[in-house]
Amino acid sequence: MLYSLPDADERTAIAEMYRLLKPGGFALVNVAAMRILRGDHSVLSREIRRYSRADLRNRMERAGFLVQRLTYTNATLFPALAIARSIQRGRGLRSEQEAGAEISVPSAPMNAIMTAVMHLEGLWLRAFDAPFGSSLLCLARKPAAQPAGSPL
């Protein structure tokens, strides 16, 4: 939901995540990535921004988080999405009412294939970071509390 909030509200939401976490606690944030992937789906999600890796890192660190892991996800979908979203932007983005096809479930065979592909990508992401993708996944930690009297 961060990508659908105005800047001030987004900063407040990240600050609130930070405030609510115990020292040493983790936040897992998943956001829309890469501006070139703006399309009809962006209208449905009322997306205000898509993030780059540096942009999300900066926003999380500004709130006090230590970014532990930051990777793009859905990289296997990127080529098809890039083409489809480019066509959508070229013709003009649809209204929210017209863009519903963006969230339809594909046929059972295609859904099974895509599930398998995404599962394989998930296994790959356990060891490697993706250089691109339609989403960014960030694991951030609130620093552990400093013991009383310890130097900063």
N, C-alpha and C. Protein backbone atom coordinates (compact mmCIF):
# COMPACT_ATOMS: atom_id res chain seq x y z
N MET A 1 0.80 -1.19 0.00
CA MET A 1 0.00 0.00 0.00
C MET A 1 0.84 1.26 0.00
N LEU A 2 2.12 1.17 0.35
CA LEU A 2 2.97 2.36 0.40
C LEU A 2 2.98 3.10 -0.93
N TYR A 3 2.98 2.35 -2.03
CA TYR A 3 3.06 2.97 -3.36
C TYR A 3 1.81 3.76 -3.73
N SER A 4 0.74 3.60 -2.95
CA SER A 4 -0.49 4.33 -3.25
C SER A 4 -0.72 5.51 -2.31
N LEU A 5 0.25 5.80 -1.46
CA LEU A 5 0.12 6.90 -0.50
C LEU A 5 0.86 8.14 -0.99
N PRO A 6 0.29 9.33 -0.77
CA PRO A 6 1.06 10.55 -1.04
C PRO A 6 2.35 10.53 -0.22
N ASP A 7 3.36 11.27 -0.66
CA ASP A 7 4.68 11.23 -0.03
C ASP A 7 4.63 11.40 1.49
N ALA A 8 3.93 12.41 1.97
CA ALA A 8 3.89 12.66 3.42
C ALA A 8 3.27 11.49 4.16
N ASP A 9 2.20 10.91 3.62
CA ASP A 9 1.54 9.77 4.26
C ASP A 9 2.43 8.53 4.21
N GLU A 10 3.17 8.38 3.11
CA GLU A 10 4.08 7.24 3.01
C GLU A 10 5.17 7.35 4.08
N ARG A 11 5.74 8.55 4.24
CA ARG A 11 6.76 8.74 5.28
C ARG A 11 6.19 8.44 6.66
N THR A 12 4.97 8.88 6.91
CA THR A 12 4.31 8.62 8.19
C THR A 12 4.10 7.12 8.39
N ALA A 13 3.68 6.42 7.34
CA ALA A 13 3.44 4.97 7.45
C ALA A 13 4.74 4.22 7.76
N ILE A 14 5.82 4.58 7.09
CA ILE A 14 7.10 3.91 7.35
C ILE A 14 7.58 4.23 8.76
N ALA A 15 7.42 5.48 9.18
CA ALA A 15 7.81 5.87 10.54
C ALA A 15 6.98 5.11 11.57
N GLU A 16 5.72 4.87 11.28
CA GLU A 16 4.85 4.13 12.22
C GLU A 16 5.27 2.65 12.28
N MET A 17 5.64 2.08 11.14
CA MET A 17 6.16 0.71 11.16
C MET A 17 7.38 0.64 12.08
N TYR A 18 8.25 1.61 11.94
CA TYR A 18 9.46 1.67 12.75
C TYR A 18 9.10 1.80 14.24
N ARG A 19 8.19 2.71 14.53
CA ARG A 19 7.79 2.95 15.92
C ARG A 19 7.20 1.71 16.57
N LEU A 20 6.40 0.97 15.84
CA LEU A 20 5.70 -0.18 16.41
C LEU A 20 6.58 -1.41 16.60
N LEU A 21 7.66 -1.49 15.87
CA LEU A 21 8.56 -2.64 16.01
C LEU A 21 9.36 -2.58 17.30
N LYS A 22 9.56 -3.73 17.88
CA LYS A 22 10.48 -3.82 19.02
C LYS A 22 11.90 -3.63 18.50
N PRO A 23 12.81 -3.13 19.33
CA PRO A 23 14.21 -3.05 18.90
C PRO A 23 14.69 -4.43 18.43
N GLY A 24 15.32 -4.45 17.29
CA GLY A 24 15.78 -5.72 16.71
C GLY A 24 14.72 -6.39 15.85
N GLY A 25 13.49 -5.82 15.82
CA GLY A 25 12.40 -6.41 15.04
C GLY A 25 12.55 -6.16 13.55
N PHE A 26 11.85 -6.94 12.76
CA PHE A 26 11.94 -6.88 11.30
C PHE A 26 10.65 -6.40 10.67
N ALA A 27 10.79 -5.69 9.56
CA ALA A 27 9.67 -5.30 8.71
C ALA A 27 9.92 -5.88 7.33
N LEU A 28 8.89 -6.44 6.74
CA LEU A 28 8.97 -6.98 5.38
C LEU A 28 8.06 -6.11 4.51
N VAL A 29 8.65 -5.46 3.52
CA VAL A 29 7.92 -4.51 2.69
C VAL A 29 7.99 -4.97 1.24
N ASN A 30 6.85 -5.02 0.58
CA ASN A 30 6.77 -5.40 -0.83
C ASN A 30 6.06 -4.26 -1.57
N VAL A 31 6.73 -3.69 -2.57
CA VAL A 31 6.17 -2.55 -3.29
C VAL A 31 6.31 -2.74 -4.80
N ALA A 32 5.55 -1.95 -5.55
CA ALA A 32 5.64 -1.93 -7.00
C ALA A 32 7.00 -1.34 -7.40
N ALA A 33 7.60 -1.92 -8.42
CA ALA A 33 8.95 -1.49 -8.83
C ALA A 33 8.98 -1.08 -10.30
N MET A 34 9.96 -0.29 -10.61
CA MET A 34 10.34 0.10 -11.97
C MET A 34 9.25 0.89 -12.69
N ARG A 35 9.51 2.17 -12.86
CA ARG A 35 8.54 3.07 -13.50
C ARG A 35 8.13 2.61 -14.88
N ILE A 36 9.01 1.94 -15.59
CA ILE A 36 8.65 1.51 -16.95
C ILE A 36 7.56 0.44 -16.93
N LEU A 37 7.21 -0.06 -15.76
CA LEU A 37 6.14 -1.06 -15.67
C LEU A 37 4.79 -0.45 -15.28
N ARG A 38 4.70 0.87 -15.30
CA ARG A 38 3.42 1.51 -15.03
C ARG A 38 2.46 1.12 -16.15
N GLY A 39 1.24 0.71 -15.76
CA GLY A 39 0.25 0.29 -16.74
C GLY A 39 -1.13 0.26 -16.13
N ASP A 40 -2.04 -0.48 -16.77
CA ASP A 40 -3.42 -0.55 -16.30
C ASP A 40 -3.51 -1.05 -14.86
N HIS A 41 -2.64 -1.98 -14.50
CA HIS A 41 -2.63 -2.49 -13.12
C HIS A 41 -2.36 -1.36 -12.13
N SER A 42 -1.56 -0.40 -12.54
CA SER A 42 -1.24 0.76 -11.69
C SER A 42 -2.50 1.56 -11.38
N VAL A 43 -3.40 1.62 -12.34
CA VAL A 43 -4.66 2.34 -12.13
C VAL A 43 -5.49 1.61 -11.09
N LEU A 44 -5.57 0.28 -11.20
CA LEU A 44 -6.36 -0.52 -10.26
C LEU A 44 -5.85 -0.38 -8.83
N SER A 45 -4.54 -0.33 -8.66
CA SER A 45 -3.97 -0.25 -7.32
C SER A 45 -3.81 1.20 -6.85
N ARG A 46 -4.26 2.12 -7.68
CA ARG A 46 -4.15 3.56 -7.36
C ARG A 46 -2.71 3.94 -7.01
N GLU A 47 -1.84 3.40 -7.79
CA GLU A 47 -0.40 3.57 -7.60
C GLU A 47 0.03 5.02 -7.88
N ILE A 48 0.75 5.58 -6.94
CA ILE A 48 1.31 6.92 -7.11
C ILE A 48 2.74 6.83 -7.59
N ARG A 49 3.46 5.80 -7.15
CA ARG A 49 4.86 5.67 -7.52
C ARG A 49 5.23 4.20 -7.65
N ARG A 50 6.28 3.96 -8.42
CA ARG A 50 6.95 2.67 -8.48
C ARG A 50 8.37 2.95 -8.02
N TYR A 51 8.96 2.04 -7.29
CA TYR A 51 10.23 2.28 -6.63
C TYR A 51 11.40 1.67 -7.39
N SER A 52 12.54 2.31 -7.25
CA SER A 52 13.81 1.71 -7.63
C SER A 52 14.41 1.15 -6.34
N ARG A 53 15.42 0.34 -6.49
CA ARG A 53 16.09 -0.23 -5.32
C ARG A 53 16.65 0.89 -4.43
N ALA A 54 17.32 1.88 -5.04
CA ALA A 54 17.91 2.99 -4.27
C ALA A 54 16.84 3.82 -3.58
N ASP A 55 15.74 4.05 -4.26
CA ASP A 55 14.67 4.87 -3.69
C ASP A 55 14.07 4.21 -2.45
N LEU A 56 13.74 2.93 -2.53
CA LEU A 56 13.16 2.25 -1.37
C LEU A 56 14.17 2.17 -0.23
N ARG A 57 15.42 1.87 -0.55
CA ARG A 57 16.45 1.82 0.48
C ARG A 57 16.52 3.17 1.21
N ASN A 58 16.57 4.27 0.47
CA ASN A 58 16.66 5.60 1.06
C ASN A 58 15.46 5.88 1.96
N ARG A 59 14.28 5.54 1.52
CA ARG A 59 13.07 5.81 2.30
C ARG A 59 13.06 5.01 3.60
N MET A 60 13.50 3.77 3.54
CA MET A 60 13.53 2.93 4.75
C MET A 60 14.63 3.41 5.70
N GLU A 61 15.79 3.72 5.18
CA GLU A 61 16.90 4.17 6.03
C GLU A 61 16.62 5.53 6.64
N ARG A 62 15.94 6.41 5.92
CA ARG A 62 15.58 7.72 6.48
C ARG A 62 14.70 7.57 7.72
N ALA A 63 13.91 6.50 7.77
CA ALA A 63 13.05 6.25 8.93
C ALA A 63 13.82 5.59 10.07
N GLY A 64 15.07 5.18 9.83
CA GLY A 64 15.88 4.57 10.87
C GLY A 64 16.13 3.08 10.69
N PHE A 65 15.53 2.47 9.69
CA PHE A 65 15.70 1.04 9.45
C PHE A 65 17.09 0.73 8.92
N LEU A 66 17.55 -0.48 9.21
CA LEU A 66 18.74 -1.04 8.59
C LEU A 66 18.25 -2.05 7.55
N VAL A 67 18.55 -1.81 6.30
CA VAL A 67 18.08 -2.70 5.24
C VAL A 67 18.97 -3.94 5.24
N GLN A 68 18.36 -5.09 5.45
CA GLN A 68 19.08 -6.37 5.50
C GLN A 68 19.12 -7.05 4.13
N ARG A 69 18.03 -6.91 3.39
CA ARG A 69 17.94 -7.53 2.07
C ARG A 69 16.99 -6.71 1.23
N LEU A 70 17.34 -6.51 -0.02
CA LEU A 70 16.51 -5.74 -0.94
C LEU A 70 16.68 -6.32 -2.32
N THR A 71 15.64 -6.92 -2.84
CA THR A 71 15.72 -7.55 -4.15
C THR A 71 14.45 -7.32 -4.94
N TYR A 72 14.62 -7.26 -6.25
CA TYR A 72 13.46 -7.27 -7.13
C TYR A 72 12.89 -8.69 -7.11
N THR A 73 11.61 -8.80 -7.36
CA THR A 73 10.96 -10.10 -7.50
C THR A 73 10.11 -10.08 -8.77
N ASN A 74 9.62 -11.21 -9.15
CA ASN A 74 8.82 -11.37 -10.37
C ASN A 74 9.64 -11.03 -11.62
N ALA A 75 10.93 -11.34 -11.57
CA ALA A 75 11.82 -11.07 -12.70
C ALA A 75 11.43 -11.90 -13.92
N THR A 76 10.95 -13.10 -13.70
CA THR A 76 10.58 -13.95 -14.84
C THR A 76 9.40 -13.37 -15.61
N LEU A 77 8.59 -12.56 -14.96
CA LEU A 77 7.45 -11.93 -15.63
C LEU A 77 7.84 -10.64 -16.33
N PHE A 78 9.01 -10.13 -16.02
CA PHE A 78 9.41 -8.80 -16.49
C PHE A 78 9.30 -8.61 -18.00
N PRO A 79 9.85 -9.50 -18.84
CA PRO A 79 9.78 -9.24 -20.29
C PRO A 79 8.34 -9.09 -20.80
N ALA A 80 7.48 -10.00 -20.41
CA ALA A 80 6.08 -9.92 -20.86
C ALA A 80 5.40 -8.68 -20.30
N LEU A 81 5.65 -8.38 -19.03
CA LEU A 81 5.04 -7.19 -18.43
C LEU A 81 5.54 -5.91 -19.10
N ALA A 82 6.83 -5.84 -19.38
CA ALA A 82 7.39 -4.65 -20.01
C ALA A 82 6.73 -4.38 -21.36
N ILE A 83 6.53 -5.42 -22.14
CA ILE A 83 5.87 -5.27 -23.45
C ILE A 83 4.42 -4.86 -23.27
N ALA A 84 3.69 -5.59 -22.42
CA ALA A 84 2.26 -5.30 -22.23
C ALA A 84 2.04 -3.89 -21.68
N ARG A 85 2.83 -3.52 -20.70
CA ARG A 85 2.64 -2.20 -20.07
C ARG A 85 3.05 -1.07 -21.02
N SER A 86 4.04 -1.31 -21.87
CA SER A 86 4.42 -0.31 -22.87
C SER A 86 3.27 -0.08 -23.84
N ILE A 87 2.63 -1.14 -24.27
CA ILE A 87 1.47 -1.04 -25.16
C ILE A 87 0.34 -0.28 -24.45
N GLN A 88 0.11 -0.61 -23.18
CA GLN A 88 -0.94 0.06 -22.42
C GLN A 88 -0.68 1.57 -22.32
N ARG A 89 0.55 1.95 -22.01
CA ARG A 89 0.87 3.37 -21.92
C ARG A 89 0.74 4.04 -23.28
N GLY A 90 1.10 3.32 -24.35
CA GLY A 90 1.00 3.88 -25.70
C GLY A 90 -0.43 4.18 -26.10
N ARG A 91 -1.36 3.35 -25.73
CA ARG A 91 -2.76 3.57 -26.07
C ARG A 91 -3.48 4.43 -25.06
N GLY A 92 -2.83 4.65 -23.90
CA GLY A 92 -3.47 5.40 -22.82
C GLY A 92 -4.00 4.43 -21.78
N LEU A 93 -3.74 4.71 -20.52
CA LEU A 93 -4.18 3.81 -19.45
C LEU A 93 -5.69 3.82 -19.33
N ARG A 94 -6.23 2.67 -19.06
CA ARG A 94 -7.68 2.52 -18.91
C ARG A 94 -8.16 3.07 -17.58
N SER A 95 -9.44 3.29 -17.50
CA SER A 95 -10.04 3.72 -16.23
C SER A 95 -10.04 2.53 -15.28
N GLU A 96 -10.27 2.81 -14.03
CA GLU A 96 -10.30 1.74 -13.03
C GLU A 96 -11.35 0.68 -13.39
N GLN A 97 -12.49 1.11 -13.87
CA GLN A 97 -13.57 0.17 -14.22
C GLN A 97 -13.18 -0.71 -15.41
N GLU A 98 -12.42 -0.16 -16.35
CA GLU A 98 -12.04 -0.90 -17.55
C GLU A 98 -10.81 -1.77 -17.36
N ALA A 99 -10.05 -1.53 -16.32
CA ALA A 99 -8.76 -2.20 -16.15
C ALA A 99 -8.87 -3.54 -15.41
N GLY A 100 -10.06 -3.99 -15.12
CA GLY A 100 -10.27 -5.22 -14.34
C GLY A 100 -9.62 -6.46 -14.91
N ALA A 101 -9.41 -6.51 -16.22
CA ALA A 101 -8.79 -7.69 -16.83
C ALA A 101 -7.37 -7.91 -16.32
N GLU A 102 -6.76 -6.87 -15.78
CA GLU A 102 -5.39 -6.97 -15.25
C GLU A 102 -5.30 -7.93 -14.08
N ILE A 103 -6.39 -8.19 -13.40
CA ILE A 103 -6.33 -9.06 -12.22
C ILE A 103 -7.12 -10.36 -12.42
N SER A 104 -7.44 -10.68 -13.65
CA SER A 104 -8.15 -11.93 -13.91
C SER A 104 -7.20 -13.12 -13.78
N VAL A 105 -7.73 -14.24 -13.37
CA VAL A 105 -6.93 -15.47 -13.23
C VAL A 105 -6.81 -16.12 -14.60
N PRO A 106 -5.59 -16.47 -15.00
CA PRO A 106 -5.43 -17.13 -16.31
C PRO A 106 -6.02 -18.54 -16.30
N SER A 107 -6.06 -19.14 -17.47
CA SER A 107 -6.58 -20.51 -17.59
C SER A 107 -5.78 -21.44 -16.68
N ALA A 108 -6.38 -22.55 -16.31
CA ALA A 108 -5.74 -23.48 -15.38
C ALA A 108 -4.35 -23.93 -15.85
N PRO A 109 -4.18 -24.32 -17.13
CA PRO A 109 -2.83 -24.72 -17.56
C PRO A 109 -1.82 -23.58 -17.46
N MET A 110 -2.21 -22.39 -17.88
CA MET A 110 -1.28 -21.25 -17.82
C MET A 110 -0.99 -20.90 -16.36
N ASN A 111 -1.99 -20.98 -15.51
CA ASN A 111 -1.80 -20.69 -14.09
C ASN A 111 -0.83 -21.70 -13.47
N ALA A 112 -0.93 -22.96 -13.85
CA ALA A 112 -0.02 -23.98 -13.33
C ALA A 112 1.41 -23.73 -13.79
N ILE A 113 1.57 -23.34 -15.05
CA ILE A 113 2.91 -23.05 -15.57
C ILE A 113 3.50 -21.85 -14.83
N MET A 114 2.72 -20.80 -14.69
CA MET A 114 3.21 -19.60 -14.01
C MET A 114 3.52 -19.87 -12.53
N THR A 115 2.71 -20.71 -11.91
CA THR A 115 2.98 -21.09 -10.51
C THR A 115 4.34 -21.79 -10.41
N ALA A 116 4.60 -22.71 -11.33
CA ALA A 116 5.87 -23.43 -11.33
C ALA A 116 7.05 -22.48 -11.59
N VAL A 117 6.88 -21.58 -12.54
CA VAL A 117 7.94 -20.62 -12.85
C VAL A 117 8.23 -19.73 -11.64
N MET A 118 7.18 -19.24 -11.00
CA MET A 118 7.36 -18.37 -9.84
C MET A 118 7.97 -19.14 -8.66
N HIS A 119 7.63 -20.41 -8.54
CA HIS A 119 8.24 -21.24 -7.49
C HIS A 119 9.75 -21.36 -7.73
N LEU A 120 10.13 -21.61 -8.98
CA LEU A 120 11.56 -21.71 -9.31
C LEU A 120 12.27 -20.38 -9.05
N GLU A 121 11.62 -19.28 -9.40
CA GLU A 121 12.23 -17.98 -9.11
C GLU A 121 12.39 -17.80 -7.61
N GLY A 122 11.41 -18.22 -6.84
CA GLY A 122 11.50 -18.12 -5.39
C GLY A 122 12.69 -18.90 -4.84
N LEU A 123 12.93 -20.07 -5.38
CA LEU A 123 14.09 -20.85 -4.96
C LEU A 123 15.38 -20.12 -5.32
N TRP A 124 15.45 -19.57 -6.52
CA TRP A 124 16.63 -18.84 -6.97
C TRP A 124 16.87 -17.62 -6.08
N LEU A 125 15.78 -16.93 -5.68
CA LEU A 125 15.92 -15.72 -4.86
C LEU A 125 16.43 -16.02 -3.44
N ARG A 126 16.38 -17.26 -3.04
CA ARG A 126 16.94 -17.60 -1.72
C ARG A 126 18.45 -17.38 -1.68
N ALA A 127 19.08 -17.46 -2.84
CA ALA A 127 20.54 -17.35 -2.90
C ALA A 127 21.02 -16.08 -3.62
N PHE A 128 20.19 -15.53 -4.49
CA PHE A 128 20.61 -14.41 -5.33
C PHE A 128 19.59 -13.29 -5.30
N ASP A 129 20.03 -12.07 -5.59
CA ASP A 129 19.13 -10.94 -5.77
C ASP A 129 18.85 -10.78 -7.26
N ALA A 130 17.62 -10.47 -7.59
CA ALA A 130 17.26 -10.24 -8.99
C ALA A 130 17.62 -8.79 -9.37
N PRO A 131 18.17 -8.59 -10.57
CA PRO A 131 18.55 -7.25 -10.99
C PRO A 131 17.39 -6.40 -11.49
N PHE A 132 16.23 -7.00 -11.69
CA PHE A 132 15.04 -6.30 -12.16
C PHE A 132 13.82 -7.14 -11.79
N GLY A 133 12.65 -6.56 -11.89
CA GLY A 133 11.41 -7.27 -11.60
C GLY A 133 10.28 -6.29 -11.41
N SER A 134 9.07 -6.80 -11.28
CA SER A 134 7.91 -5.92 -11.16
C SER A 134 7.66 -5.48 -9.73
N SER A 135 8.31 -6.11 -8.77
CA SER A 135 8.16 -5.74 -7.36
C SER A 135 9.53 -5.67 -6.70
N LEU A 136 9.57 -4.97 -5.58
CA LEU A 136 10.75 -4.93 -4.74
C LEU A 136 10.37 -5.49 -3.38
N LEU A 137 11.19 -6.37 -2.87
CA LEU A 137 10.98 -6.96 -1.56
C LEU A 137 12.12 -6.51 -0.66
N CYS A 138 11.75 -5.91 0.46
CA CYS A 138 12.75 -5.34 1.38
C CYS A 138 12.56 -5.94 2.76
N LEU A 139 13.63 -6.49 3.29
CA LEU A 139 13.67 -6.94 4.67
C LEU A 139 14.49 -5.91 5.43
N ALA A 140 13.85 -5.22 6.36
CA ALA A 140 14.52 -4.16 7.11
C ALA A 140 14.39 -4.45 8.60
N ARG A 141 15.40 -4.01 9.35
CA ARG A 141 15.42 -4.27 10.79
C ARG A 141 15.53 -2.96 11.55
N LYS A 142 14.79 -2.90 12.64
CA LYS A 142 14.95 -1.79 13.56
C LYS A 142 16.17 -2.11 14.41
N PRO A 143 17.12 -1.19 14.52
CA PRO A 143 18.32 -1.50 15.31
C PRO A 143 17.97 -1.95 16.72
N ALA A 144 18.79 -2.84 17.24
CA ALA A 144 18.62 -3.30 18.63
C ALA A 144 18.87 -2.13 19.57
N ALA A 145 18.19 -2.14 20.68
CA ALA A 145 18.36 -1.07 21.68
C ALA A 145 19.78 -1.09 22.22
N GLN A 146 20.33 0.08 22.44
CA GLN A 146 21.65 0.19 23.05
C GLN A 146 21.51 0.00 24.55
N PRO A 147 22.35 -0.81 25.15
CA PRO A 147 22.31 -0.96 26.62
C PRO A 147 22.55 0.39 27.29
N ALA A 148 21.90 0.61 28.42
CA ALA A 148 22.04 1.87 29.14
C ALA A 148 23.52 2.12 29.46
N GLY A 149 23.97 3.33 29.19
CA GLY A 149 25.35 3.71 29.52
C GLY A 149 26.36 3.31 28.47
N SER A 150 25.95 2.58 27.41
CA SER A 150 26.93 2.18 26.40
C SER A 150 27.17 3.33 25.43
N PRO A 151 28.37 3.43 24.88
CA PRO A 151 28.65 4.50 23.91
C PRO A 151 27.91 4.22 22.61
N LEU A 152 27.52 5.27 21.94
CA LEU A 152 26.85 5.13 20.65
C LEU A 152 27.90 4.81 19.63
